C-alpha atoms as a PDB file:
ATOM      1  CA  MET A   1       0.837 -22.783  46.814  1.00  0.00           C
ATOM      2  CA  ALA A   2       0.109 -25.559  44.215  1.00  0.00           C
ATOM      3  CA  ILE A   3       3.407 -27.560  42.592  1.00  0.00           C
ATOM      4  CA  ILE A   4       2.753 -27.994  38.968  1.00  0.00           C
ATOM      5  CA  ASP A   5       5.038 -30.235  36.753  1.00  0.00           C
ATOM      6  CA  VAL A   6       5.393 -29.508  33.257  1.00  0.00           C
ATOM      7  CA  SER A   7       3.586 -32.035  31.688  1.00  0.00           C
ATOM      8  CA  GLU A   8       0.487 -30.810  32.871  1.00  0.00           C
ATOM      9  CA  LEU A   9       1.329 -27.440  31.427  1.00  0.00           C
ATOM     10  CA  LEU A  10       2.678 -28.121  27.988  1.00  0.00           C
ATOM     11  CA  PRO A  11      -0.575 -29.278  26.575  1.00  0.00           C
ATOM     12  CA  HIS A  12      -2.115 -26.514  27.621  1.00  0.00           C
ATOM     13  CA  ALA A  13       0.115 -24.196  26.095  1.00  0.00           C
ATOM     14  CA  ARG A  14      -0.172 -25.841  22.483  1.00  0.00           C
ATOM     15  CA  ASP A  15      -4.176 -25.578  22.944  1.00  0.00           C
ATOM     16  CA  GLU A  16      -3.682 -21.918  23.434  1.00  0.00           C
ATOM     17  CA  ASP A  17      -1.140 -21.164  20.616  1.00  0.00           C
ATOM     18  CA  GLU A  18      -3.269 -22.612  18.237  1.00  0.00           C
ATOM     19  CA  SER A  19      -5.940 -20.812  19.376  1.00  0.00           C
ATOM     20  CA  LYS A  20      -4.864 -17.362  20.140  1.00  0.00           C
ATOM     21  CA  TRP A  21      -4.844 -16.209  16.499  1.00  0.00           C
ATOM     22  CA  LEU A  22      -7.495 -14.213  14.469  1.00  0.00           C
ATOM     23  CA  VAL A  23      -5.135 -14.059  11.973  1.00  0.00           C
ATOM     24  CA  GLU A  24      -2.678 -16.414  11.932  1.00  0.00           C
ATOM     25  CA  GLY A  25       0.876 -15.407  12.902  1.00  0.00           C
ATOM     26  CA  LEU A  26      -0.117 -12.151  12.384  1.00  0.00           C
ATOM     27  CA  ILE A  27      -2.992 -10.557  14.659  1.00  0.00           C
ATOM     28  CA  ALA A  28      -3.685 -12.204  18.032  1.00  0.00           C
ATOM     29  CA  HIS A  29      -7.233 -12.285  19.969  1.00  0.00           C
ATOM     30  CA  ALA A  30      -7.175  -9.261  22.379  1.00  0.00           C
ATOM     31  CA  SER A  31      -3.828  -7.883  20.880  1.00  0.00           C
ATOM     32  CA  LEU A  32      -3.048  -4.113  20.148  1.00  0.00           C
ATOM     33  CA  GLY A  33      -1.223  -2.995  16.950  1.00  0.00           C
ATOM     34  CA  LEU A  34      -0.788  -0.661  14.053  1.00  0.00           C
ATOM     35  CA  CYS A  35      -0.247  -0.951  10.172  1.00  0.00           C
ATOM     36  CA  GLY A  36       2.348   1.390   9.102  1.00  0.00           C
ATOM     37  CA  ALA A  37       3.261   2.491   5.605  1.00  0.00           C
ATOM     38  CA  SER A  38       3.933   5.405   3.296  1.00  0.00           C
ATOM     39  CA  PRO A  39       0.706   7.411   1.926  1.00  0.00           C
ATOM     40  CA  LYS A  40      -0.533   5.470  -1.159  1.00  0.00           C
ATOM     41  CA  THR A  41       0.995   1.983  -0.372  1.00  0.00           C
ATOM     42  CA  GLY A  42      -2.548   0.453   0.376  1.00  0.00           C
ATOM     43  CA  LYS A  43      -3.228   0.555   3.884  1.00  0.00           C
ATOM     44  CA  THR A  44      -7.000   1.025   4.046  1.00  0.00           C
ATOM     45  CA  TRP A  45      -7.186  -1.905   1.270  1.00  0.00           C
ATOM     46  CA  LEU A  46      -5.481  -4.337   3.180  1.00  0.00           C
ATOM     47  CA  GLY A  47      -7.133  -3.370   6.376  1.00  0.00           C
ATOM     48  CA  LEU A  48     -10.522  -3.943   4.321  1.00  0.00           C
ATOM     49  CA  GLN A  49      -9.161  -7.464   2.949  1.00  0.00           C
ATOM     50  CA  MET A  50      -7.984  -8.367   6.684  1.00  0.00           C
ATOM     51  CA  ALA A  51     -11.552  -7.335   7.875  1.00  0.00           C
ATOM     52  CA  LEU A  52     -13.819  -9.446   4.973  1.00  0.00           C
ATOM     53  CA  ALA A  53     -11.169 -12.559   5.732  1.00  0.00           C
ATOM     54  CA  VAL A  54     -11.612 -12.730   9.220  1.00  0.00           C
ATOM     55  CA  SER A  55     -15.673 -12.022   9.416  1.00  0.00           C
ATOM     56  CA  THR A  56     -15.482 -14.334   6.956  1.00  0.00           C
ATOM     57  CA  GLY A  57     -12.890 -16.988   8.041  1.00  0.00           C
ATOM     58  CA  THR A  58     -11.690 -17.327   4.597  1.00  0.00           C
ATOM     59  CA  PRO A  59      -7.676 -16.776   4.333  1.00  0.00           C
ATOM     60  CA  PHE A  60      -6.138 -13.746   4.607  1.00  0.00           C
ATOM     61  CA  LEU A  61      -4.427 -12.825   1.420  1.00  0.00           C
ATOM     62  CA  GLY A  62      -5.168 -16.178   0.323  1.00  0.00           C
ATOM     63  CA  HIS A  63      -2.767 -17.474   2.709  1.00  0.00           C
ATOM     64  CA  PHE A  64      -3.039 -16.708   6.364  1.00  0.00           C
ATOM     65  CA  LYS A  65      -5.929 -19.098   8.166  1.00  0.00           C
ATOM     66  CA  THR A  66      -8.242 -16.753  10.124  1.00  0.00           C
ATOM     67  CA  HIS A  67     -10.662 -17.277  12.905  1.00  0.00           C
ATOM     68  CA  LYS A  68     -14.016 -16.390  11.543  1.00  0.00           C
ATOM     69  CA  ALA A  69     -15.068 -13.743  14.365  1.00  0.00           C
ATOM     70  CA  ARG A  70     -17.339 -10.001  14.454  1.00  0.00           C
ATOM     71  CA  VAL A  71     -15.486  -6.860  12.649  1.00  0.00           C
ATOM     72  CA  LEU A  72     -16.075  -3.576  13.246  1.00  0.00           C
ATOM     73  CA  PHE A  73     -14.281  -1.325  10.788  1.00  0.00           C
ATOM     74  CA  TRP A  74     -13.960   2.207  12.221  1.00  0.00           C
ATOM     75  CA  GLU A  75     -13.178   4.598   9.257  1.00  0.00           C
ATOM     76  CA  CYS A  76     -12.261   8.193   9.730  1.00  0.00           C
ATOM     77  CA  GLU A  77     -11.149   9.377   6.371  1.00  0.00           C
ATOM     78  CA  ASP A  78     -13.024   8.057   3.226  1.00  0.00           C
ATOM     79  CA  SER A  79     -16.496   8.395   2.632  1.00  0.00           C
ATOM     80  CA  ALA A  80     -18.947   5.508   2.966  1.00  0.00           C
ATOM     81  CA  LYS A  81     -19.420   5.358  -0.910  1.00  0.00           C
ATOM     82  CA  LEU A  82     -15.674   4.811  -1.567  1.00  0.00           C
ATOM     83  CA  LEU A  83     -15.551   1.964   1.661  1.00  0.00           C
ATOM     84  CA  ALA A  84     -18.696   0.368  -0.220  1.00  0.00           C
ATOM     85  CA  GLU A  85     -17.221   0.576  -2.894  1.00  0.00           C
ATOM     86  CA  ARG A  86     -13.399  -0.917  -2.194  1.00  0.00           C
ATOM     87  CA  THR A  87     -15.599  -3.914   0.280  1.00  0.00           C
ATOM     88  CA  SER A  88     -17.494  -4.758  -3.257  1.00  0.00           C
ATOM     89  CA  ALA A  89     -14.180  -4.702  -5.497  1.00  0.00           C
ATOM     90  CA  LEU A  90     -12.466  -7.400  -2.651  1.00  0.00           C
ATOM     91  CA  ILE A  91     -15.631  -9.166  -2.516  1.00  0.00           C
ATOM     92  CA  ARG A  92     -15.568  -9.973  -6.334  1.00  0.00           C
ATOM     93  CA  GLY A  93     -11.994  -9.926  -6.560  1.00  0.00           C
ATOM     94  CA  HIS A  94     -11.603 -12.774  -3.850  1.00  0.00           C
ATOM     95  CA  GLY A  95     -14.923 -14.592  -4.728  1.00  0.00           C
ATOM     96  CA  LEU A  96     -16.015 -14.233  -1.377  1.00  0.00           C
ATOM     97  CA  PRO A  97     -19.001 -14.829   0.051  1.00  0.00           C
ATOM     98  CA  ASN A  98     -20.936 -11.468   1.747  1.00  0.00           C
ATOM     99  CA  PRO A  99     -20.575 -11.909   5.226  1.00  0.00           C
ATOM    100  CA  GLU A 100     -23.280 -13.123   7.621  1.00  0.00           C
ATOM    101  CA  PRO A 101     -25.055 -10.461   9.334  1.00  0.00           C
ATOM    102  CA  GLY A 102     -23.529  -8.694  12.178  1.00  0.00           C
ATOM    103  CA  HIS A 103     -19.926 -10.315  11.417  1.00  0.00           C
ATOM    104  CA  LEU A 104     -19.005  -6.872   9.487  1.00  0.00           C
ATOM    105  CA  GLN A 105     -19.746  -3.643  10.476  1.00  0.00           C
ATOM    106  CA  PHE A 106     -18.828  -0.016   9.549  1.00  0.00           C
ATOM    107  CA  ALA A 107     -18.556   2.898  11.260  1.00  0.00           C
ATOM    108  CA  VAL A 108     -17.959   6.321   9.258  1.00  0.00           C
ATOM    109  CA  GLU A 109     -17.382   8.656  11.494  1.00  0.00           C
ATOM    110  CA  PRO A 110     -14.752  10.473  13.378  1.00  0.00           C
ATOM    111  CA  ALA A 111     -13.441   8.233  16.163  1.00  0.00           C
ATOM    112  CA  HIS A 112     -11.652  11.176  18.730  1.00  0.00           C
ATOM    113  CA  ILE A 113     -10.142   8.535  21.075  1.00  0.00           C
ATOM    114  CA  ASP A 114      -8.518  11.383  23.072  1.00  0.00           C
ATOM    115  CA  THR A 115     -11.816  12.752  24.274  1.00  0.00           C
ATOM    116  CA  SER A 116     -13.758  10.613  27.083  1.00  0.00           C
ATOM    117  CA  ASP A 117     -16.783  11.594  24.683  1.00  0.00           C
ATOM    118  CA  GLY A 118     -15.228   9.851  22.013  1.00  0.00           C
ATOM    119  CA  LEU A 119     -13.803   6.626  24.093  1.00  0.00           C
ATOM    120  CA  ASN A 120     -17.320   6.520  25.164  1.00  0.00           C
ATOM    121  CA  ARG A 121     -19.068   6.183  21.768  1.00  0.00           C
ATOM    122  CA  LEU A 122     -16.406   3.618  20.505  1.00  0.00           C
ATOM    123  CA  ARG A 123     -17.521   1.538  24.083  1.00  0.00           C
ATOM    124  CA  GLN A 124     -21.203   2.080  22.995  1.00  0.00           C
ATOM    125  CA  VAL A 125     -20.294   0.419  19.194  1.00  0.00           C
ATOM    126  CA  LEU A 126     -18.392  -2.067  20.448  1.00  0.00           C
ATOM    127  CA  SER A 127     -20.830  -3.386  23.100  1.00  0.00           C
ATOM    128  CA  GLU A 128     -23.327  -3.249  20.704  1.00  0.00           C
ATOM    129  CA  THR A 129     -21.160  -5.312  17.989  1.00  0.00           C
ATOM    130  CA  LYS A 130     -19.489  -7.433  20.222  1.00  0.00           C
ATOM    131  CA  ALA A 131     -16.608  -7.004  17.874  1.00  0.00           C
ATOM    132  CA  GLU A 132     -13.479  -9.399  18.244  1.00  0.00           C
ATOM    133  CA  LEU A 133     -11.293  -7.284  15.766  1.00  0.00           C
ATOM    134  CA  LEU A 134     -11.754  -3.376  15.614  1.00  0.00           C
ATOM    135  CA  ILE A 135      -9.964  -2.072  12.563  1.00  0.00           C
ATOM    136  CA  LEU A 136      -9.370   1.700  13.134  1.00  0.00           C
ATOM    137  CA  ASP A 137      -8.503   3.694   9.893  1.00  0.00           C
ATOM    138  CA  THR A 138      -6.285   6.096  10.537  1.00  0.00           C
ATOM    139  CA  PHE A 139      -4.981   6.132  13.974  1.00  0.00           C
ATOM    140  CA  ASN A 140      -3.574   9.458  12.891  1.00  0.00           C
ATOM    141  CA  ARG A 141      -7.160  10.813  11.949  1.00  0.00           C
ATOM    142  CA  SER A 142      -8.923   9.397  15.431  1.00  0.00           C
ATOM    143  CA  HIS A 143      -7.389  12.291  17.576  1.00  0.00           C
ATOM    144  CA  ALA A 144      -6.142  15.864  17.774  1.00  0.00           C
ATOM    145  CA  LEU A 145      -3.186  15.077  19.887  1.00  0.00           C
ATOM    146  CA  ASN A 146       0.688  15.566  18.945  1.00  0.00           C
ATOM    147  CA  GLU A 147       1.701  11.484  18.240  1.00  0.00           C
ATOM    148  CA  SER A 148       5.191  13.120  18.374  1.00  0.00           C
ATOM    149  CA  LEU A 149       5.046  14.159  22.560  1.00  0.00           C
ATOM    150  CA  GLN A 150       5.476  11.405  24.830  1.00  0.00           C
ATOM    151  CA  THR A 151       2.690  12.576  27.057  1.00  0.00           C
ATOM    152  CA  HIS A 152       0.433  12.744  24.320  1.00  0.00           C
ATOM    153  CA  ALA A 153       1.310   9.114  22.792  1.00  0.00           C
ATOM    154  CA  SER A 154       1.136   7.768  25.921  1.00  0.00           C
ATOM    155  CA  GLN A 155      -2.375   8.964  26.209  1.00  0.00           C
ATOM    156  CA  LEU A 156      -3.368   7.472  23.164  1.00  0.00           C
ATOM    157  CA  ILE A 157      -2.070   4.100  23.660  1.00  0.00           C
ATOM    158  CA  THR A 158      -3.677   3.570  27.411  1.00  0.00           C
ATOM    159  CA  ALA A 159      -6.822   4.589  25.709  1.00  0.00           C
ATOM    160  CA  LEU A 160      -6.607   1.849  23.208  1.00  0.00           C
ATOM    161  CA  ASP A 161      -5.336  -0.466  25.642  1.00  0.00           C
ATOM    162  CA  SER A 162      -8.227   0.335  28.241  1.00  0.00           C
ATOM    163  CA  LEU A 163     -10.869  -0.699  24.823  1.00  0.00           C
ATOM    164  CA  ARG A 164      -8.536  -3.937  24.082  1.00  0.00           C
ATOM    165  CA  ARG A 165      -8.684  -4.929  28.030  1.00  0.00           C
ATOM    166  CA  GLU A 166     -12.692  -4.310  28.608  1.00  0.00           C
ATOM    167  CA  PHE A 167     -13.778  -5.522  25.640  1.00  0.00           C
ATOM    168  CA  ASN A 168     -11.180  -8.186  24.838  1.00  0.00           C
ATOM    169  CA  VAL A 169     -11.046  -7.108  21.057  1.00  0.00           C
ATOM    170  CA  ALA A 170      -8.198  -7.084  19.094  1.00  0.00           C
ATOM    171  CA  LEU A 171      -7.220  -3.521  17.581  1.00  0.00           C
ATOM    172  CA  LEU A 172      -5.586  -2.780  14.641  1.00  0.00           C
ATOM    173  CA  GLY A 173      -4.956   0.672  13.677  1.00  0.00           C
ATOM    174  CA  THR A 174      -3.586   2.382   9.891  1.00  0.00           C
ATOM    175  CA  HIS A 175      -0.837   4.248  10.646  1.00  0.00           C
ATOM    176  CA  HIS A 176       1.923   6.145   8.820  1.00  0.00           C
ATOM    177  CA  VAL A 177       5.487   5.885   8.893  1.00  0.00           C
ATOM    178  CA  SER A 178       7.951   8.771   9.189  1.00  0.00           C
ATOM    179  CA  LYS A 179       9.501  10.567   6.342  1.00  0.00           C
ATOM    180  CA  ALA A 180      13.096   8.796   7.417  1.00  0.00           C
ATOM    181  CA  GLY A 181      11.415   5.368   8.138  1.00  0.00           C
ATOM    182  CA  LYS A 182      12.705   2.481   5.867  1.00  0.00           C
ATOM    183  CA  SER A 183      12.207  -1.107   5.791  1.00  0.00           C
ATOM    184  CA  GLY A 184      13.945  -3.650   8.524  1.00  0.00           C
ATOM    185  CA  GLN A 185      13.333  -1.099  10.657  1.00  0.00           C
ATOM    186  CA  GLY A 186       9.900  -2.343  12.110  1.00  0.00           C
ATOM    187  CA  GLY A 187       8.043  -0.001  14.590  1.00  0.00           C
ATOM    188  CA  LYS A 188      10.860   1.945  14.754  1.00  0.00           C
ATOM    189  CA  ALA A 189       9.713   3.412  11.740  1.00  0.00           C
ATOM    190  CA  LEU A 190       6.613   4.688  12.615  1.00  0.00           C
ATOM    191  CA  ARG A 191       5.674   8.172  12.699  1.00  0.00           C
ATOM    192  CA  GLY A 192       5.436  10.009  16.421  1.00  0.00           C
ATOM    193  CA  SER A 193       7.000   9.015  19.877  1.00  0.00           C
ATOM    194  CA  SER A 194       8.842   5.413  20.477  1.00  0.00           C
ATOM    195  CA  VAL A 195       5.544   4.978  23.204  1.00  0.00           C
ATOM    196  CA  ILE A 196       3.517   3.831  20.486  1.00  0.00           C
ATOM    197  CA  HIS A 197       5.535   1.455  19.068  1.00  0.00           C
ATOM    198  CA  ALA A 198       6.282   0.123  22.860  1.00  0.00           C
ATOM    199  CA  GLY A 199       2.900  -0.884  23.465  1.00  0.00           C
ATOM    200  CA  LEU A 200       2.161  -2.638  20.495  1.00  0.00           C
ATOM    201  CA  GLU A 201       2.078  -6.460  20.334  1.00  0.00           C
ATOM    202  CA  ASN A 202       1.610  -7.319  16.744  1.00  0.00           C
ATOM    203  CA  SER A 203       1.973  -5.020  13.888  1.00  0.00           C
ATOM    204  CA  LEU A 204       2.707  -4.747  10.063  1.00  0.00           C
ATOM    205  CA  TYR A 205       4.854  -2.449   8.087  1.00  0.00           C
ATOM    206  CA  LEU A 206       4.446  -1.974   4.419  1.00  0.00           C
ATOM    207  CA  TRP A 207       6.691  -0.858   1.978  1.00  0.00           C
ATOM    208  CA  ALA A 208       6.322  -0.203  -1.847  1.00  0.00           C
ATOM    209  CA  THR A 209       8.830  -1.763  -3.999  1.00  0.00           C
ATOM    210  CA  GLU A 210       9.752  -0.952  -7.730  1.00  0.00           C
ATOM    211  CA  THR A 211       7.360  -3.387  -9.438  1.00  0.00           C
ATOM    212  CA  PRO A 212       3.634  -1.817  -9.556  1.00  0.00           C
ATOM    213  CA  GLY A 213       1.524  -3.338  -7.160  1.00  0.00           C
ATOM    214  CA  ILE A 214       3.954  -5.407  -5.246  1.00  0.00           C
ATOM    215  CA  ILE A 215       4.091  -4.512  -1.330  1.00  0.00           C
ATOM    216  CA  ARG A 216       6.736  -6.292   0.772  1.00  0.00           C
ATOM    217  CA  ALA A 217       5.097  -6.547   4.479  1.00  0.00           C
ATOM    218  CA  GLU A 218       7.364  -6.896   7.638  1.00  0.00           C
ATOM    219  CA  PRO A 219       5.434  -8.690  10.518  1.00  0.00           C
ATOM    220  CA  GLU A 220       6.558  -7.425  14.313  1.00  0.00           C
ATOM    221  CA  SER A 221       4.857  -9.599  17.015  1.00  0.00           C
ATOM    222  CA  LYS A 222       5.785  -9.876  20.977  1.00  0.00           C
ATOM    223  CA  TYR A 223       4.860 -13.922  20.146  1.00  0.00           C
ATOM    224  CA  GLY A 224       7.733 -14.792  17.758  1.00  0.00           C
ATOM    225  CA  ALA A 225       9.559 -13.559  14.782  1.00  0.00           C
ATOM    226  CA  PRO A 226       7.187 -13.541  11.725  1.00  0.00           C
ATOM    227  CA  GLU A 227       8.415 -13.914   8.653  1.00  0.00           C
ATOM    228  CA  ALA A 228       8.656 -10.831   5.567  1.00  0.00           C
ATOM    229  CA  PHE A 229       6.789 -11.811   2.967  1.00  0.00           C
ATOM    230  CA  ILE A 230       5.298  -9.708  -0.269  1.00  0.00           C
ATOM    231  CA  TYR A 231       1.812  -9.671  -1.763  1.00  0.00           C
ATOM    232  CA  GLU A 232       0.426  -8.335  -4.979  1.00  0.00           C
ATOM    233  CA  GLN A 233      -2.618  -6.023  -5.643  1.00  0.00           C
ATOM    234  CA  VAL A 234      -4.171  -7.070  -8.740  1.00  0.00           C
ATOM    235  CA  ALA A 235      -6.823  -4.440  -9.883  1.00  0.00           C
ATOM    236  CA  GLY A 236      -9.668  -5.523 -12.165  1.00  0.00           C
ATOM    237  CA  GLU A 237     -12.801  -4.559 -13.900  1.00  0.00           C
ATOM    238  CA  GLY A 238     -14.453  -3.602 -10.660  1.00  0.00           C
ATOM    239  CA  SER A 239     -12.356  -5.564  -8.696  1.00  0.00           C
ATOM    240  CA  MET A 240      -9.257  -6.002  -6.573  1.00  0.00           C
ATOM    241  CA  ARG A 241      -7.691  -8.877  -5.181  1.00  0.00           C
ATOM    242  CA  LEU A 242      -4.621  -9.122  -2.552  1.00  0.00           C
ATOM    243  CA  THR A 243      -2.491 -12.033  -2.402  1.00  0.00           C
ATOM    244  CA  ARG A 244       0.826 -13.286  -1.038  1.00  0.00           C
ATOM    245  CA  ILE A 245       2.983 -14.531  -3.865  1.00  0.00           C
ATOM    246  CA  GLU A 246       6.630 -16.605  -3.104  1.00  0.00           C
ATOM    247  CA  GLU A 247       9.496 -14.008  -2.971  1.00  0.00           C
ATOM    248  CA  SER A 248      11.819 -15.915  -4.440  1.00  0.00           C
ATOM    249  CA  ALA A 249       9.199 -15.904  -7.677  1.00  0.00           C
ATOM    250  CA  ARG A 250       9.454 -12.649  -8.330  1.00  0.00           C
ATOM    251  CA  PRO A 251      12.575 -10.269  -7.302  1.00  0.00           C
ATOM    252  CA  VAL A 252      11.253  -7.084  -5.524  1.00  0.00           C
ATOM    253  CA  PRO A 253      14.129  -4.529  -5.078  1.00  0.00           C
ATOM    254  CA  PHE A 254      13.031  -1.383  -2.634  1.00  0.00           C
ATOM    255  CA  VAL A 255      12.081   1.896  -3.983  1.00  0.00           C
ATOM    256  CA  THR A 256      14.570   4.191  -2.710  1.00  0.00           C
ATOM    257  CA  LYS A 257      16.760   7.573  -3.688  1.00  0.00           C
ATOM    258  CA  ARG A 258      19.820   5.667  -4.562  1.00  0.00           C
ATOM    259  CA  THR A 259      17.372   3.307  -7.126  1.00  0.00           C
ATOM    260  CA  LYS A 260      16.007   6.390  -8.351  1.00  0.00           C
ATOM    261  CA  ARG A 261      19.093   8.150  -9.020  1.00  0.00           C
ATOM    262  CA  LEU A 262      20.542   4.852 -10.399  1.00  0.00           C
ATOM    263  CA  GLU A 263      17.629   4.505 -12.928  1.00  0.00           C
ATOM    264  CA  ARG A 264      17.748   8.048 -14.064  1.00  0.00           C
ATOM    265  CA  GLU A 265      21.398   7.487 -14.793  1.00  0.00           C
ATOM    266  CA  ARG A 266      21.092   4.495 -16.676  1.00  0.00           C
ATOM    267  CA  ARG A 267      18.206   6.412 -18.919  1.00  0.00           C
ATOM    268  CA  LYS A 268      20.640   8.989 -19.791  1.00  0.00           C
ATOM    269  CA  LYS A 269      23.453   6.622 -20.919  1.00  0.00           C
ATOM    270  CA  ARG A 270      20.861   5.013 -23.000  1.00  0.00           C
ATOM    271  CA  ALA A 271      20.014   8.245 -24.529  1.00  0.00           C
ATOM    272  CA  ARG A 272      23.036   9.348 -25.142  1.00  0.00           C
ATOM    273  CA  ALA A 273      24.224   6.241 -26.622  1.00  0.00           C
ATOM    274  CA  GLY A 274      20.971   6.051 -29.080  1.00  0.00           C
ATOM    275  CA  GLY A 275      22.052   9.858 -30.218  1.00  0.00           C
ATOM    276  CA  ARG A 276      25.232   8.486 -31.859  1.00  0.00           C
END
């Protein structure tokens, strides 16, 4: 057995740290993760912006460095027409170049990761596209199993992990948080069995705020403790821009049942005062 001095290891560790990210600090090469959020929080928009950023080598959300790579976006829910409209809107909103041929490809069809035929179809497309990042939109529409059952959840995570290992591809699925989920819970807020969270390496959890268009993102990674951040969704005429902004520059209280109740009470008091 060879004896290795620490001085020989540290330079390699630094090189590995710099090269392991597809999206710096958020998505590592050949990693497995989910982007969890409530419905209508903008999961697909975020996934598409990440796909465009990585496929063009431009900053994600205008902030996070990316490693330029081939991306496969697998859409299980929306139509090809809507996907094209959203992609075009993001390209215009961010002033991006069109991805080079073969760098961003779409599959608009069911994924069926719970069946051997479905997994073989995924293997075929991954082999053809040579993607380094697979975005699956949405995870819950990619199978017909019960995510709350431990055995079913384990089967799903095992299937995705097998693809990750076989093709050395980073995989990010969009998913829903549970109705009881709340900020600060990390993967515990995800819908389904805890087995799902246990199998992830780096993920993002999105939370709406009281300010329209402002989303709080809470990353989670086995490679460290990335800080939460906020980003802004700005829609224009046929365009959409997602940009990370400084939290100190704009207070963004969370939407909760308590804040909604307090706001209703404040409105009632103002209405009564105005009637006197």
